[in-house]
Each structure stands twice: as structure tokens, then as C-alpha cells.
Amino acid sequence: MKTIKIKVFGDVQGVNFRHEAKQQADEIGLTGFVSNQSDGSVYIEAVGEEEDLERILQWCYTGPDIAKVFKTTSEISEDVVDYPDFSIR
């Protein structure tokens, strides 16, 4: 198990990005959370197998149909937090 920290920049707030990210994470089987940030970005912290983390990262490159993703940054680490589920914050 590993953790990925993703920050998504662009027109990503107010377009159901967090709700669809949760749906994707639930389908993949990840735990963690997604939240809006004060700088207008969306932050995702997810825990799972590395190939599953790559799946959520790939989804973040485009996000929901009405989102406009300009930039995505990510970092994978060995540090794992035991989240009970994937939540929207």
C-alpha cells in the first residue's frame, strides 16, 4: 500500500470534481479524501495499491466533463494513513 497526494489546478471547483473523484475512488477501492483548497485547486490524498493510485491520477488529468484541468501535480509515498473510507472534505 502507498499514498498518492494529488493537486489539480484549473476550473475544478464548482464542477462536481470532488463528488466524481469520490465515485472514482470508491469504484477503484481507494481510501482517503478529496477537498477544495483556498487557492482554487482540488487536493486528493488516496491510499491503495500503486496501480490503483495510477488509475485515480489518470482520471485527474481530465476530471469531470465540465472541468477544465490546466495542471496536475502528484507525489507517491510509502507513508500510509489508515483512512476508513474515501470522503469529501
PDB file of N, CA and C in Angstrom:
ATOM      1  N   MET A   1       0.845  -1.188   0.000  1.00  0.00           N
ATOM      2  CA  MET A   1       0.000   0.000   0.000  1.00  0.00           C
ATOM      3  C   MET A   1       0.885   1.244   0.000  1.00  0.00           C
ATOM      4  N   LYS A   2       0.405   2.240  -0.736  1.00  0.00           N
ATOM      5  CA  LYS A   2       1.102   3.513  -0.823  1.00  0.00           C
ATOM      6  C   LYS A   2       0.082   4.642  -0.775  1.00  0.00           C
ATOM      7  N   THR A   3       0.588   5.856  -0.659  1.00  0.00           N
ATOM      8  CA  THR A   3      -0.258   7.048  -0.640  1.00  0.00           C
ATOM      9  C   THR A   3       0.115   7.940  -1.811  1.00  0.00           C
ATOM     10  N   ILE A   4      -0.894   8.482  -2.482  1.00  0.00           N
ATOM     11  CA  ILE A   4      -0.656   9.493  -3.508  1.00  0.00           C
ATOM     12  C   ILE A   4      -1.298  10.790  -3.052  1.00  0.00           C
ATOM     13  N   LYS A   5      -0.570  11.878  -3.256  1.00  0.00           N
ATOM     14  CA  LYS A   5      -1.080  13.218  -2.968  1.00  0.00           C
ATOM     15  C   LYS A   5      -1.140  13.941  -4.303  1.00  0.00           C
ATOM     16  N   ILE A   6      -2.339  14.345  -4.684  1.00  0.00           N
ATOM     17  CA  ILE A   6      -2.570  14.956  -5.992  1.00  0.00           C
ATOM     18  C   ILE A   6      -3.151  16.351  -5.791  1.00  0.00           C
ATOM     19  N   LYS A   7      -2.638  17.294  -6.548  1.00  0.00           N
ATOM     20  CA  LYS A   7      -3.219  18.636  -6.561  1.00  0.00           C
ATOM     21  C   LYS A   7      -3.596  18.940  -8.003  1.00  0.00           C
ATOM     22  N   VAL A   8      -4.852  19.327  -8.195  1.00  0.00           N
ATOM     23  CA  VAL A   8      -5.389  19.573  -9.533  1.00  0.00           C
ATOM     24  C   VAL A   8      -5.739  21.056  -9.642  1.00  0.00           C
ATOM     25  N   PHE A   9      -5.185  21.702 -10.664  1.00  0.00           N
ATOM     26  CA  PHE A   9      -5.388  23.130 -10.884  1.00  0.00           C
ATOM     27  C   PHE A   9      -6.225  23.357 -12.134  1.00  0.00           C
ATOM     28  N   GLY A  10      -6.978  24.440 -12.142  1.00  0.00           N
ATOM     29  CA  GLY A  10      -7.797  24.798 -13.296  1.00  0.00           C
ATOM     30  C   GLY A  10      -9.183  25.200 -12.836  1.00  0.00           C
ATOM     31  N   ASP A  11     -10.160  25.035 -13.717  1.00  0.00           N
ATOM     32  CA  ASP A  11     -11.559  25.263 -13.350  1.00  0.00           C
ATOM     33  C   ASP A  11     -12.084  23.956 -12.773  1.00  0.00           C
ATOM     34  N   VAL A  12     -11.749  23.716 -11.494  1.00  0.00           N
ATOM     35  CA  VAL A  12     -12.025  22.417 -10.880  1.00  0.00           C
ATOM     36  C   VAL A  12     -12.908  22.508  -9.637  1.00  0.00           C
ATOM     37  N   GLN A  13     -13.301  23.715  -9.252  1.00  0.00           N
ATOM     38  CA  GLN A  13     -14.234  23.865  -8.137  1.00  0.00           C
ATOM     39  C   GLN A  13     -15.587  24.291  -8.687  1.00  0.00           C
ATOM     40  N   GLY A  14     -16.653  23.760  -8.095  1.00  0.00           N
ATOM     41  CA  GLY A  14     -18.000  24.083  -8.549  1.00  0.00           C
ATOM     42  C   GLY A  14     -18.420  23.309  -9.789  1.00  0.00           C
ATOM     43  N   VAL A  15     -17.698  22.226 -10.094  1.00  0.00           N
ATOM     44  CA  VAL A  15     -17.997  21.415 -11.287  1.00  0.00           C
ATOM     45  C   VAL A  15     -18.132  19.930 -10.924  1.00  0.00           C
ATOM     46  N   ASN A  16     -18.466  19.653  -9.665  1.00  0.00           N
ATOM     47  CA  ASN A  16     -18.635  18.281  -9.155  1.00  0.00           C
ATOM     48  C   ASN A  16     -17.351  17.459  -9.171  1.00  0.00           C
ATOM     49  N   PHE A  17     -16.199  18.122  -9.177  1.00  0.00           N
ATOM     50  CA  PHE A  17     -14.930  17.392  -9.208  1.00  0.00           C
ATOM     51  C   PHE A  17     -14.800  16.485  -7.983  1.00  0.00           C
ATOM     52  N   ARG A  18     -15.079  17.017  -6.794  1.00  0.00           N
ATOM     53  CA  ARG A  18     -14.921  16.210  -5.576  1.00  0.00           C
ATOM     54  C   ARG A  18     -15.861  15.011  -5.564  1.00  0.00           C
ATOM     55  N   HIS A  19     -17.103  15.220  -5.965  1.00  0.00           N
ATOM     56  CA  HIS A  19     -18.069  14.116  -5.948  1.00  0.00           C
ATOM     57  C   HIS A  19     -17.681  13.023  -6.943  1.00  0.00           C
ATOM     58  N   GLU A  20     -17.245  13.432  -8.122  1.00  0.00           N
ATOM     59  CA  GLU A  20     -16.843  12.430  -9.112  1.00  0.00           C
ATOM     60  C   GLU A  20     -15.523  11.765  -8.729  1.00  0.00           C
ATOM     61  N   ALA A  21     -14.628  12.505  -8.060  1.00  0.00           N
ATOM     62  CA  ALA A  21     -13.384  11.901  -7.570  1.00  0.00           C
ATOM     63  C   ALA A  21     -13.701  10.830  -6.532  1.00  0.00           C
ATOM     64  N   LYS A  22     -14.669  11.118  -5.657  1.00  0.00           N
ATOM     65  CA  LYS A  22     -15.074  10.117  -4.661  1.00  0.00           C
ATOM     66  C   LYS A  22     -15.649   8.889  -5.347  1.00  0.00           C
ATOM     67  N   GLN A  23     -16.483   9.109  -6.357  1.00  0.00           N
ATOM     68  CA  GLN A  23     -17.067   7.986  -7.087  1.00  0.00           C
ATOM     69  C   GLN A  23     -15.964   7.132  -7.724  1.00  0.00           C
ATOM     70  N   GLN A  24     -14.991   7.781  -8.342  1.00  0.00           N
ATOM     71  CA  GLN A  24     -13.869   7.055  -8.952  1.00  0.00           C
ATOM     72  C   GLN A  24     -13.096   6.277  -7.891  1.00  0.00           C
ATOM     73  N   ALA A  25     -12.780   6.936  -6.776  1.00  0.00           N
ATOM     74  CA  ALA A  25     -12.015   6.292  -5.706  1.00  0.00           C
ATOM     75  C   ALA A  25     -12.771   5.098  -5.135  1.00  0.00           C
ATOM     76  N   ASP A  26     -14.081   5.251  -4.950  1.00  0.00           N
ATOM     77  CA  ASP A  26     -14.891   4.143  -4.432  1.00  0.00           C
ATOM     78  C   ASP A  26     -14.896   2.970  -5.408  1.00  0.00           C
ATOM     79  N   GLU A  27     -15.013   3.262  -6.704  1.00  0.00           N
ATOM     80  CA  GLU A  27     -15.008   2.191  -7.707  1.00  0.00           C
ATOM     81  C   GLU A  27     -13.664   1.470  -7.742  1.00  0.00           C
ATOM     82  N   ILE A  28     -12.584   2.224  -7.574  1.00  0.00           N
ATOM     83  CA  ILE A  28     -11.240   1.641  -7.610  1.00  0.00           C
ATOM     84  C   ILE A  28     -10.929   0.908  -6.308  1.00  0.00           C
ATOM     85  N   GLY A  29     -11.524   1.364  -5.197  1.00  0.00           N
ATOM     86  CA  GLY A  29     -11.277   0.745  -3.899  1.00  0.00           C
ATOM     87  C   GLY A  29     -10.221   1.466  -3.078  1.00  0.00           C
ATOM     88  N   LEU A  30     -10.123   2.778  -3.249  1.00  0.00           N
ATOM     89  CA  LEU A  30      -9.149   3.576  -2.508  1.00  0.00           C
ATOM     90  C   LEU A  30      -9.776   4.163  -1.250  1.00  0.00           C
ATOM     91  N   THR A  31      -8.940   4.496  -0.279  1.00  0.00           N
ATOM     92  CA  THR A  31      -9.371   5.253   0.891  1.00  0.00           C
ATOM     93  C   THR A  31      -8.644   6.591   0.873  1.00  0.00           C
ATOM     94  N   GLY A  32      -9.141   7.544   1.657  1.00  0.00           N
ATOM     95  CA  GLY A  32      -8.517   8.858   1.718  1.00  0.00           C
ATOM     96  C   GLY A  32      -9.559   9.949   1.679  1.00  0.00           C
ATOM     97  N   PHE A  33      -9.225  11.070   1.012  1.00  0.00           N
ATOM     98  CA  PHE A  33     -10.168  12.181   0.955  1.00  0.00           C
ATOM     99  C   PHE A  33      -9.864  13.093  -0.222  1.00  0.00           C
ATOM    100  N   VAL A  34     -10.842  13.939  -0.534  1.00  0.00           N
ATOM    101  CA  VAL A  34     -10.704  14.989  -1.543  1.00  0.00           C
ATOM    102  C   VAL A  34     -11.249  16.270  -0.936  1.00  0.00           C
ATOM    103  N   SER A  35     -10.575  17.395  -1.206  1.00  0.00           N
ATOM    104  CA  SER A  35     -11.045  18.667  -0.653  1.00  0.00           C
ATOM    105  C   SER A  35     -10.705  19.825  -1.585  1.00  0.00           C
ATOM    106  N   ASN A  36     -11.544  20.866  -1.525  1.00  0.00           N
ATOM    107  CA  ASN A  36     -11.248  22.113  -2.220  1.00  0.00           C
ATOM    108  C   ASN A  36     -10.195  22.864  -1.419  1.00  0.00           C
ATOM    109  N   GLN A  37      -9.314  23.569  -2.121  1.00  0.00           N
ATOM    110  CA  GLN A  37      -8.275  24.358  -1.477  1.00  0.00           C
ATOM    111  C   GLN A  37      -8.553  25.847  -1.694  1.00  0.00           C
ATOM    112  N   SER A  38      -8.029  26.677  -0.810  1.00  0.00           N
ATOM    113  CA  SER A  38      -8.289  28.118  -0.886  1.00  0.00           C
ATOM    114  C   SER A  38      -7.695  28.761  -2.138  1.00  0.00           C
ATOM    115  N   ASP A  39      -6.717  28.109  -2.776  1.00  0.00           N
ATOM    116  CA  ASP A  39      -6.119  28.665  -3.997  1.00  0.00           C
ATOM    117  C   ASP A  39      -6.899  28.288  -5.255  1.00  0.00           C
ATOM    118  N   GLY A  40      -8.061  27.620  -5.088  1.00  0.00           N
ATOM    119  CA  GLY A  40      -8.902  27.243  -6.224  1.00  0.00           C
ATOM    120  C   GLY A  40      -8.628  25.860  -6.770  1.00  0.00           C
ATOM    121  N   SER A  41      -7.653  25.169  -6.196  1.00  0.00           N
ATOM    122  CA  SER A  41      -7.327  23.812  -6.646  1.00  0.00           C
ATOM    123  C   SER A  41      -8.137  22.785  -5.861  1.00  0.00           C
ATOM    124  N   VAL A  42      -8.004  21.527  -6.278  1.00  0.00           N
ATOM    125  CA  VAL A  42      -8.581  20.398  -5.552  1.00  0.00           C
ATOM    126  C   VAL A  42      -7.423  19.509  -5.113  1.00  0.00           C
ATOM    127  N   TYR A  43      -7.468  19.058  -3.856  1.00  0.00           N
ATOM    128  CA  TYR A  43      -6.428  18.198  -3.291  1.00  0.00           C
ATOM    129  C   TYR A  43      -7.011  16.819  -3.029  1.00  0.00           C
ATOM    130  N   ILE A  44      -6.293  15.800  -3.465  1.00  0.00           N
ATOM    131  CA  ILE A  44      -6.700  14.415  -3.227  1.00  0.00           C
ATOM    132  C   ILE A  44      -5.563  13.703  -2.515  1.00  0.00           C
ATOM    133  N   GLU A  45      -5.899  13.005  -1.454  1.00  0.00           N
ATOM    134  CA  GLU A  45      -4.950  12.117  -0.788  1.00  0.00           C
ATOM    135  C   GLU A  45      -5.598  10.744  -0.770  1.00  0.00           C
ATOM    136  N   ALA A  46      -4.960   9.785  -1.428  1.00  0.00           N
ATOM    137  CA  ALA A  46      -5.562   8.460  -1.572  1.00  0.00           C
ATOM    138  C   ALA A  46      -4.557   7.378  -1.210  1.00  0.00           C
ATOM    139  N   VAL A  47      -5.075   6.296  -0.627  1.00  0.00           N
ATOM    140  CA  VAL A  47      -4.258   5.160  -0.212  1.00  0.00           C
ATOM    141  C   VAL A  47      -4.737   3.921  -0.948  1.00  0.00           C
ATOM    142  N   GLY A  48      -3.783   3.154  -1.476  1.00  0.00           N
ATOM    143  CA  GLY A  48      -4.119   1.921  -2.178  1.00  0.00           C
ATOM    144  C   GLY A  48      -2.889   1.316  -2.816  1.00  0.00           C
ATOM    145  N   GLU A  49      -3.120   0.329  -3.658  1.00  0.00           N
ATOM    146  CA  GLU A  49      -2.024  -0.284  -4.406  1.00  0.00           C
ATOM    147  C   GLU A  49      -1.569   0.696  -5.487  1.00  0.00           C
ATOM    148  N   GLU A  50      -0.292   0.635  -5.832  1.00  0.00           N
ATOM    149  CA  GLU A  50       0.269   1.636  -6.747  1.00  0.00           C
ATOM    150  C   GLU A  50      -0.464   1.704  -8.085  1.00  0.00           C
ATOM    151  N   GLU A  51      -0.848   0.550  -8.642  1.00  0.00           N
ATOM    152  CA  GLU A  51      -1.553   0.575  -9.933  1.00  0.00           C
ATOM    153  C   GLU A  51      -2.924   1.245  -9.808  1.00  0.00           C
ATOM    154  N   ASP A  52      -3.568   1.108  -8.643  1.00  0.00           N
ATOM    155  CA  ASP A  52      -4.855   1.771  -8.417  1.00  0.00           C
ATOM    156  C   ASP A  52      -4.672   3.277  -8.226  1.00  0.00           C
ATOM    157  N   LEU A  53      -3.579   3.663  -7.592  1.00  0.00           N
ATOM    158  CA  LEU A  53      -3.283   5.086  -7.436  1.00  0.00           C
ATOM    159  C   LEU A  53      -3.027   5.725  -8.796  1.00  0.00           C
ATOM    160  N   GLU A  54      -2.389   4.990  -9.683  1.00  0.00           N
ATOM    161  CA  GLU A  54      -2.159   5.494 -11.042  1.00  0.00           C
ATOM    162  C   GLU A  54      -3.486   5.698 -11.776  1.00  0.00           C
ATOM    163  N   ARG A  55      -4.470   4.858 -11.489  1.00  0.00           N
ATOM    164  CA  ARG A  55      -5.785   4.999 -12.131  1.00  0.00           C
ATOM    165  C   ARG A  55      -6.469   6.298 -11.718  1.00  0.00           C
ATOM    166  N   ILE A  56      -6.436   6.626 -10.416  1.00  0.00           N
ATOM    167  CA  ILE A  56      -7.076   7.875  -9.985  1.00  0.00           C
ATOM    168  C   ILE A  56      -6.299   9.069 -10.534  1.00  0.00           C
ATOM    169  N   LEU A  57      -4.975   8.960 -10.616  1.00  0.00           N
ATOM    170  CA  LEU A  57      -4.173  10.041 -11.180  1.00  0.00           C
ATOM    171  C   LEU A  57      -4.527  10.265 -12.648  1.00  0.00           C
ATOM    172  N   GLN A  58      -4.659   9.196 -13.407  1.00  0.00           N
ATOM    173  CA  GLN A  58      -5.034   9.324 -14.818  1.00  0.00           C
ATOM    174  C   GLN A  58      -6.384  10.017 -14.963  1.00  0.00           C
ATOM    175  N   TRP A  59      -7.333   9.669 -14.095  1.00  0.00           N
ATOM    176  CA  TRP A  59      -8.648  10.309 -14.141  1.00  0.00           C
ATOM    177  C   TRP A  59      -8.524  11.810 -13.853  1.00  0.00           C
ATOM    178  N   CYS A  60      -7.633  12.178 -12.936  1.00  0.00           N
ATOM    179  CA  CYS A  60      -7.475  13.586 -12.547  1.00  0.00           C
ATOM    180  C   CYS A  60      -6.968  14.461 -13.687  1.00  0.00           C
ATOM    181  N   TYR A  61      -6.317  13.881 -14.667  1.00  0.00           N
ATOM    182  CA  TYR A  61      -5.808  14.682 -15.787  1.00  0.00           C
ATOM    183  C   TYR A  61      -6.937  15.357 -16.566  1.00  0.00           C
ATOM    184  N   THR A  62      -8.140  14.778 -16.528  1.00  0.00           N
ATOM    185  CA  THR A  62      -9.285  15.390 -17.205  1.00  0.00           C
ATOM    186  C   THR A  62     -10.420  15.705 -16.238  1.00  0.00           C
ATOM    187  N   GLY A  63     -10.662  14.836 -15.253  1.00  0.00           N
ATOM    188  CA  GLY A  63     -11.738  15.058 -14.292  1.00  0.00           C
ATOM    189  C   GLY A  63     -13.098  14.954 -14.946  1.00  0.00           C
ATOM    190  N   PRO A  64     -14.128  15.556 -14.333  1.00  0.00           N
ATOM    191  CA  PRO A  64     -15.474  15.546 -14.912  1.00  0.00           C
ATOM    192  C   PRO A  64     -15.493  16.297 -16.245  1.00  0.00           C
ATOM    193  N   ASP A  65     -16.496  16.001 -17.058  1.00  0.00           N
ATOM    194  CA  ASP A  65     -16.595  16.616 -18.389  1.00  0.00           C
ATOM    195  C   ASP A  65     -16.578  18.144 -18.350  1.00  0.00           C
ATOM    196  N   ILE A  66     -17.219  18.745 -17.344  1.00  0.00           N
ATOM    197  CA  ILE A  66     -17.308  20.209 -17.326  1.00  0.00           C
ATOM    198  C   ILE A  66     -16.107  20.879 -16.657  1.00  0.00           C
ATOM    199  N   ALA A  67     -15.191  20.103 -16.105  1.00  0.00           N
ATOM    200  CA  ALA A  67     -13.975  20.669 -15.511  1.00  0.00           C
ATOM    201  C   ALA A  67     -12.968  21.001 -16.609  1.00  0.00           C
ATOM    202  N   LYS A  68     -12.112  21.965 -16.313  1.00  0.00           N
ATOM    203  CA  LYS A  68     -11.001  22.289 -17.210  1.00  0.00           C
ATOM    204  C   LYS A  68      -9.727  22.188 -16.388  1.00  0.00           C
ATOM    205  N   VAL A  69      -9.025  21.076 -16.524  1.00  0.00           N
ATOM    206  CA  VAL A  69      -7.791  20.845 -15.782  1.00  0.00           C
ATOM    207  C   VAL A  69      -6.634  21.461 -16.559  1.00  0.00           C
ATOM    208  N   PHE A  70      -5.894  22.353 -15.888  1.00  0.00           N
ATOM    209  CA  PHE A  70      -4.745  23.001 -16.519  1.00  0.00           C
ATOM    210  C   PHE A  70      -3.434  22.344 -16.106  1.00  0.00           C
ATOM    211  N   LYS A  71      -3.386  21.851 -14.870  1.00  0.00           N
ATOM    212  CA  LYS A  71      -2.134  21.300 -14.338  1.00  0.00           C
ATOM    213  C   LYS A  71      -2.464  20.322 -13.221  1.00  0.00           C
ATOM    214  N   THR A  72      -1.675  19.261 -13.134  1.00  0.00           N
ATOM    215  CA  THR A  72      -1.823  18.274 -12.068  1.00  0.00           C
ATOM    216  C   THR A  72      -0.440  17.951 -11.522  1.00  0.00           C
ATOM    217  N   THR A  73      -0.299  17.997 -10.200  1.00  0.00           N
ATOM    218  CA  THR A  73       0.951  17.570  -9.576  1.00  0.00           C
ATOM    219  C   THR A  73       0.644  16.375  -8.689  1.00  0.00           C
ATOM    220  N   SER A  74       1.621  15.494  -8.532  1.00  0.00           N
ATOM    221  CA  SER A  74       1.390  14.315  -7.689  1.00  0.00           C
ATOM    222  C   SER A  74       2.692  13.842  -7.068  1.00  0.00           C
ATOM    223  N   GLU A  75       2.519  13.138  -5.963  1.00  0.00           N
ATOM    224  CA  GLU A  75       3.648  12.570  -5.235  1.00  0.00           C
ATOM    225  C   GLU A  75       3.172  11.267  -4.596  1.00  0.00           C
ATOM    226  N   ILE A  76       3.913  10.189  -4.821  1.00  0.00           N
ATOM    227  CA  ILE A  76       3.590   8.900  -4.200  1.00  0.00           C
ATOM    228  C   ILE A  76       4.595   8.646  -3.091  1.00  0.00           C
ATOM    229  N   SER A  77       4.099   8.196  -1.942  1.00  0.00           N
ATOM    230  CA  SER A  77       4.992   7.905  -0.819  1.00  0.00           C
ATOM    231  C   SER A  77       4.616   6.580  -0.170  1.00  0.00           C
ATOM    232  N   GLU A  78       5.536   6.098   0.635  1.00  0.00           N
ATOM    233  CA  GLU A  78       5.330   4.858   1.383  1.00  0.00           C
ATOM    234  C   GLU A  78       4.541   5.104   2.671  1.00  0.00           C
ATOM    235  N   ASP A  79       4.407   6.372   3.077  1.00  0.00           N
ATOM    236  CA  ASP A  79       3.673   6.705   4.299  1.00  0.00           C
ATOM    237  C   ASP A  79       2.186   6.465   4.070  1.00  0.00           C
ATOM    238  N   VAL A  80       1.586   5.643   4.913  1.00  0.00           N
ATOM    239  CA  VAL A  80       0.187   5.260   4.732  1.00  0.00           C
ATOM    240  C   VAL A  80      -0.614   5.627   5.977  1.00  0.00           C
ATOM    241  N   VAL A  81      -1.696   6.366   5.773  1.00  0.00           N
ATOM    242  CA  VAL A  81      -2.647   6.674   6.839  1.00  0.00           C
ATOM    243  C   VAL A  81      -3.811   5.703   6.693  1.00  0.00           C
ATOM    244  N   ASP A  82      -4.297   5.181   7.808  1.00  0.00           N
ATOM    245  CA  ASP A  82      -5.382   4.198   7.778  1.00  0.00           C
ATOM    246  C   ASP A  82      -6.738   4.913   7.755  1.00  0.00           C
ATOM    247  N   TYR A  83      -7.135   5.396   6.572  1.00  0.00           N
ATOM    248  CA  TYR A  83      -8.442   6.030   6.426  1.00  0.00           C
ATOM    249  C   TYR A  83      -9.513   4.946   6.374  1.00  0.00           C
ATOM    250  N   PRO A  84     -10.682   5.167   7.006  1.00  0.00           N
ATOM    251  CA  PRO A  84     -11.732   4.143   6.990  1.00  0.00           C
ATOM    252  C   PRO A  84     -12.428   4.025   5.633  1.00  0.00           C
ATOM    253  N   ASP A  85     -12.426   5.117   4.851  1.00  0.00           N
ATOM    254  CA  ASP A  85     -13.111   5.145   3.559  1.00  0.00           C
ATOM    255  C   ASP A  85     -12.560   6.314   2.757  1.00  0.00           C
ATOM    256  N   PHE A  86     -13.217   6.656   1.666  1.00  0.00           N
ATOM    257  CA  PHE A  86     -12.833   7.838   0.894  1.00  0.00           C
ATOM    258  C   PHE A  86     -13.912   8.883   1.104  1.00  0.00           C
ATOM    259  N   SER A  87     -13.523  10.053   1.588  1.00  0.00           N
ATOM    260  CA  SER A  87     -14.520  11.061   1.959  1.00  0.00           C
ATOM    261  C   SER A  87     -14.284  12.385   1.237  1.00  0.00           C
ATOM    262  N   ILE A  88     -15.334  13.190   1.236  1.00  0.00           N
ATOM    263  CA  ILE A  88     -15.269  14.552   0.712  1.00  0.00           C
ATOM    264  C   ILE A  88     -15.150  15.481   1.908  1.00  0.00           C
ATOM    265  N   ARG A  89     -14.161  16.338   1.864  1.00  0.00           N
ATOM    266  CA  ARG A  89     -13.972  17.298   2.968  1.00  0.00           C
ATOM    267  C   ARG A  89     -14.234  18.707   2.483  1.00  0.00           C
TER     268      ARG A  89
END
